[in-house]
Amino acid sequence: MPSKAHNLKVRVKTARGRKNSSTRWLQRQLNDPYVKEAKQLGYRARSAFKLKELDDKYHFLKKGGKVVDLGCAPGGWSQIAVQKVGIETPPLVVGLDLLPVEPLEGASFIQLDFLDDKAPSLLKEHLHGKADIILSDMAPNTTGLHTVDCLRLMNLLENAYCFAKEVLKPDGIFIAKVFQGGVEASFLQTLKQDFQKVTHFKPDSSRKESSEFYIVARGFRCI
């Protein structure tokens, strides 16, 4: 995790034409220890630390495991997954995103909406079978209205799980981002019926002001 040795904060002046919100974002980026550490370690995004923390707690990324990274751009989670499961041919890590992703050894990236009808079969073709783990760090662009943002993420989460049910092996794992207070009880009940254990976790690397946390569903009961 990021070192606490450097505690000096960088102040950003509000430039002409720059919104206050942009200035705050820039200042937060410059002073974020996870951003700095991610650059030092060559991670594509600070979010890589979230997956590291999740795996440190639950130990689900194992050598030889087949992993799907939904909404994978820019590839930070895929980097951690490759480090854990290993580099093989064909790749054990497959990422899907609407955006193009820079190539990564040990991973295969597909520029495609996971809601596309051909996405499940294409993914199984890349993995030569079903996945052990489905990861989703996806979130829609936020509006600033918590209720609206929760509803939009809930819709994304439900679609991600519908996809996961098609490509996940028995006893597999599903991990996805949610917002505090935005998970419907009926959806949680469905997960508890479909998996042996369902818990939640907020990594230290998740910003304190963020309401995000992660649902961790383990032991998929093949439906």
Protein backbone atom coordinates (compact mmCIF):
# COMPACT_ATOMS: atom_id res chain seq x y z
CA MET A 1 0.00 0.00 0.00
CA PRO A 2 1.10 3.61 -0.50
CA SER A 3 3.86 4.91 1.73
CA LYS A 4 3.00 7.61 4.28
CA ALA A 5 6.50 9.06 4.15
CA HIS A 6 5.53 12.01 1.96
CA ASN A 7 2.77 14.02 3.59
CA LEU A 8 3.20 17.31 1.72
CA LYS A 9 0.08 18.48 -0.04
CA VAL A 10 0.05 20.17 -3.43
CA ARG A 11 -2.20 23.18 -3.80
CA VAL A 12 -3.70 23.97 -7.18
CA LYS A 13 -4.61 27.53 -8.10
CA THR A 14 -7.88 28.08 -9.92
CA ALA A 15 -6.88 28.95 -13.47
CA ARG A 16 -8.92 31.25 -15.68
CA GLY A 17 -11.54 29.20 -17.50
CA ARG A 18 -11.19 26.20 -15.17
CA LYS A 19 -14.21 25.29 -13.09
CA ASN A 20 -13.85 24.97 -9.32
CA SER A 21 -14.87 21.31 -9.59
CA SER A 22 -12.02 20.67 -12.06
CA THR A 23 -9.56 22.37 -9.74
CA ARG A 24 -10.73 20.25 -6.82
CA TRP A 25 -10.42 17.08 -8.92
CA LEU A 26 -6.89 18.02 -10.02
CA GLN A 27 -5.82 18.84 -6.47
CA ARG A 28 -7.25 15.56 -5.22
CA GLN A 29 -5.38 13.64 -7.93
CA LEU A 30 -2.09 15.37 -7.15
CA ASN A 31 -2.42 14.62 -3.45
CA ASP A 32 -3.77 11.08 -3.70
CA PRO A 33 -1.11 8.62 -2.43
CA TYR A 34 -2.70 5.78 -4.43
CA VAL A 35 -2.38 7.78 -7.66
CA LYS A 36 1.31 8.36 -6.92
CA GLU A 37 1.93 4.73 -5.99
CA ALA A 38 0.06 3.49 -9.06
CA LYS A 39 2.40 5.53 -11.27
CA GLN A 40 5.47 4.17 -9.47
CA LEU A 41 4.30 0.56 -9.87
CA GLY A 42 3.22 1.00 -13.47
CA TYR A 43 -0.48 0.40 -12.79
CA ARG A 44 -2.85 1.87 -15.33
CA ALA A 45 -5.21 3.19 -12.65
CA ARG A 46 -5.37 3.69 -8.88
CA SER A 47 -8.34 1.30 -8.90
CA ALA A 48 -5.83 -1.57 -9.16
CA PHE A 49 -5.32 -1.24 -5.41
CA LYS A 50 -9.01 -1.96 -4.81
CA LEU A 51 -8.72 -5.36 -6.47
CA LYS A 52 -5.50 -6.05 -4.58
CA GLU A 53 -7.27 -5.36 -1.29
CA LEU A 54 -10.25 -7.47 -2.27
CA ASP A 55 -7.97 -10.38 -3.10
CA ASP A 56 -5.89 -9.91 0.06
CA LYS A 57 -9.09 -10.33 2.06
CA TYR A 58 -10.84 -13.10 0.12
CA HIS A 59 -7.98 -14.87 -1.77
CA PHE A 60 -9.97 -15.61 -4.92
CA LEU A 61 -7.33 -14.89 -7.58
CA LYS A 62 -5.46 -18.18 -7.87
CA LYS A 63 -2.85 -19.49 -10.28
CA GLY A 64 -4.51 -20.80 -13.43
CA GLY A 65 -7.90 -19.21 -12.70
CA LYS A 66 -9.96 -17.85 -15.59
CA VAL A 67 -11.02 -14.24 -15.04
CA VAL A 68 -13.44 -11.90 -16.82
CA ASP A 69 -13.04 -8.15 -16.27
CA LEU A 70 -16.22 -6.31 -17.28
CA GLY A 71 -15.76 -2.63 -18.14
CA CYS A 72 -12.02 -3.24 -18.05
CA ALA A 73 -10.65 0.07 -19.43
CA PRO A 74 -7.98 1.25 -18.84
CA GLY A 75 -6.90 -2.21 -17.60
CA GLY A 76 -5.82 -1.71 -13.98
CA TRP A 77 -7.86 -4.62 -12.64
CA SER A 78 -6.71 -6.83 -15.49
CA GLN A 79 -3.09 -6.06 -14.55
CA ILE A 80 -3.63 -7.35 -11.01
CA ALA A 81 -5.55 -10.38 -12.27
CA VAL A 82 -2.71 -11.33 -14.64
CA GLN A 83 -0.15 -10.97 -11.84
CA LYS A 84 -2.14 -13.41 -9.72
CA VAL A 85 -3.38 -16.05 -12.20
CA GLY A 86 -0.31 -16.05 -14.44
CA ILE A 87 0.54 -15.55 -18.09
CA GLU A 88 -0.56 -18.38 -20.35
CA THR A 89 -1.58 -18.98 -23.96
CA PRO A 90 -4.45 -18.47 -24.54
CA PRO A 91 -4.73 -15.71 -21.89
CA LEU A 92 -6.54 -16.52 -18.67
CA VAL A 93 -7.80 -12.94 -18.28
CA VAL A 94 -10.34 -11.52 -20.72
CA GLY A 95 -11.59 -7.94 -20.50
CA LEU A 96 -14.60 -6.38 -22.20
CA ASP A 97 -15.19 -2.67 -22.69
CA LEU A 98 -16.79 -0.25 -25.11
CA LEU A 99 -13.48 1.63 -25.18
CA PRO A 100 -10.23 0.38 -26.72
CA VAL A 101 -7.65 -0.86 -24.18
CA GLU A 102 -3.90 -0.90 -24.62
CA PRO A 103 -2.57 -4.48 -25.03
CA LEU A 104 -1.41 -6.29 -21.89
CA GLU A 105 0.62 -9.49 -21.84
CA GLY A 106 -1.45 -12.25 -20.29
CA ALA A 107 -4.80 -10.62 -21.09
CA SER A 108 -7.12 -10.52 -24.07
CA PHE A 109 -9.25 -7.39 -24.54
CA ILE A 110 -12.49 -7.33 -26.54
CA GLN A 111 -13.93 -3.97 -27.57
CA LEU A 112 -17.58 -4.84 -27.19
CA ASP A 113 -20.62 -4.02 -25.07
CA PHE A 114 -21.09 -6.93 -22.67
CA LEU A 115 -24.84 -6.59 -23.33
CA ASP A 116 -24.30 -7.56 -26.95
CA ASP A 117 -26.02 -10.89 -27.70
CA LYS A 118 -22.80 -12.43 -28.95
CA ALA A 119 -20.70 -11.36 -25.95
CA PRO A 120 -21.17 -14.51 -23.79
CA SER A 121 -20.29 -16.95 -26.57
CA LEU A 122 -17.36 -14.79 -27.72
CA LEU A 123 -15.99 -14.64 -24.21
CA LYS A 124 -16.25 -18.41 -23.70
CA GLU A 125 -14.48 -18.83 -27.03
CA HIS A 126 -11.58 -16.65 -25.80
CA LEU A 127 -11.40 -18.51 -22.47
CA HIS A 128 -11.93 -21.95 -24.01
CA GLY A 129 -14.71 -22.52 -21.52
CA LYS A 130 -16.42 -20.74 -18.66
CA ALA A 131 -14.89 -18.33 -16.13
CA ASP A 132 -13.92 -18.91 -12.51
CA ILE A 133 -14.33 -15.23 -11.63
CA ILE A 134 -16.41 -12.35 -12.99
CA LEU A 135 -15.19 -8.89 -11.95
CA SER A 136 -17.10 -5.66 -12.44
CA ASP A 137 -15.73 -2.28 -11.42
CA MET A 138 -18.21 -0.64 -13.78
CA ALA A 139 -20.20 2.45 -12.88
CA PRO A 140 -22.25 4.83 -15.01
CA ASN A 141 -21.27 8.49 -15.23
CA THR A 142 -22.55 10.06 -12.03
CA THR A 143 -25.10 12.87 -12.01
CA GLY A 144 -24.48 14.01 -8.44
CA LEU A 145 -28.00 12.88 -7.52
CA HIS A 146 -27.48 9.89 -5.23
CA THR A 147 -30.85 8.27 -5.88
CA VAL A 148 -30.48 8.54 -9.65
CA ASP A 149 -26.89 7.28 -9.55
CA CYS A 150 -27.88 4.32 -7.38
CA LEU A 151 -30.69 3.35 -9.75
CA ARG A 152 -28.40 3.55 -12.78
CA LEU A 153 -25.71 1.47 -11.11
CA MET A 154 -28.31 -1.04 -9.91
CA ASN A 155 -29.47 -1.51 -13.49
CA LEU A 156 -25.86 -2.03 -14.59
CA LEU A 157 -25.30 -4.48 -11.74
CA GLU A 158 -28.34 -6.57 -12.63
CA ASN A 159 -27.24 -6.75 -16.26
CA ALA A 160 -23.71 -7.72 -15.20
CA TYR A 161 -25.08 -10.55 -13.11
CA CYS A 162 -27.32 -11.79 -15.94
CA PHE A 163 -24.17 -11.95 -18.06
CA ALA A 164 -22.24 -13.66 -15.25
CA LYS A 165 -24.83 -16.43 -14.95
CA GLU A 166 -24.19 -17.37 -18.59
CA VAL A 167 -20.41 -17.61 -18.35
CA LEU A 168 -19.61 -18.51 -14.72
CA LYS A 169 -18.48 -21.98 -13.68
CA PRO A 170 -20.09 -23.83 -10.76
CA ASP A 171 -18.54 -22.64 -7.48
CA GLY A 172 -17.42 -19.45 -9.28
CA ILE A 173 -17.14 -15.93 -7.89
CA PHE A 174 -18.91 -12.68 -8.81
CA ILE A 175 -17.56 -9.34 -7.55
CA ALA A 176 -19.16 -6.01 -8.45
CA LYS A 177 -19.21 -2.37 -7.43
CA VAL A 178 -22.34 -0.92 -5.80
CA PHE A 179 -23.27 2.31 -4.03
CA GLN A 180 -24.22 2.47 -0.35
CA GLY A 181 -27.98 2.31 -0.02
CA GLY A 182 -28.47 1.48 -3.68
CA VAL A 183 -28.76 -2.31 -3.64
CA GLU A 184 -32.27 -3.69 -3.86
CA ALA A 185 -33.16 -6.28 -1.24
CA SER A 186 -34.63 -8.56 -3.92
CA PHE A 187 -31.33 -8.59 -5.81
CA LEU A 188 -29.37 -9.43 -2.66
CA GLN A 189 -31.81 -12.23 -1.97
CA THR A 190 -31.25 -13.60 -5.47
CA LEU A 191 -27.49 -13.59 -4.93
CA LYS A 192 -27.88 -15.37 -1.60
CA GLN A 193 -29.94 -18.06 -3.30
CA ASP A 194 -27.47 -18.44 -6.16
CA PHE A 195 -24.24 -18.35 -4.13
CA GLN A 196 -23.05 -20.09 -1.01
CA LYS A 197 -21.79 -16.87 0.59
CA VAL A 198 -22.44 -13.16 -0.09
CA THR A 199 -20.54 -10.41 1.73
CA HIS A 200 -19.54 -6.81 1.11
CA PHE A 201 -16.27 -4.89 1.50
CA LYS A 202 -15.03 -1.31 1.15
CA PRO A 203 -11.29 -1.18 0.38
CA ASP A 204 -9.12 1.43 2.08
CA SER A 205 -8.13 2.64 -1.38
CA SER A 206 -11.74 3.58 -2.09
CA ARG A 207 -11.95 7.32 -1.46
CA LYS A 208 -13.56 8.19 1.87
CA GLU A 209 -16.08 10.52 0.26
CA SER A 210 -17.20 7.78 -2.13
CA SER A 211 -20.27 5.71 -1.29
CA GLU A 212 -18.95 2.76 -3.31
CA PHE A 213 -18.32 -0.70 -1.92
CA TYR A 214 -18.13 -4.17 -3.43
CA ILE A 215 -20.43 -7.17 -3.28
CA VAL A 216 -18.47 -10.42 -3.09
CA ALA A 217 -20.52 -13.50 -4.00
CA ARG A 218 -18.70 -16.83 -3.68
CA GLY A 219 -19.65 -20.41 -4.46
CA PHE A 220 -21.93 -20.09 -7.51
CA ARG A 221 -24.68 -22.70 -7.54
CA CYS A 222 -25.01 -23.57 -11.20
CA ILE A 223 -28.54 -22.64 -12.23
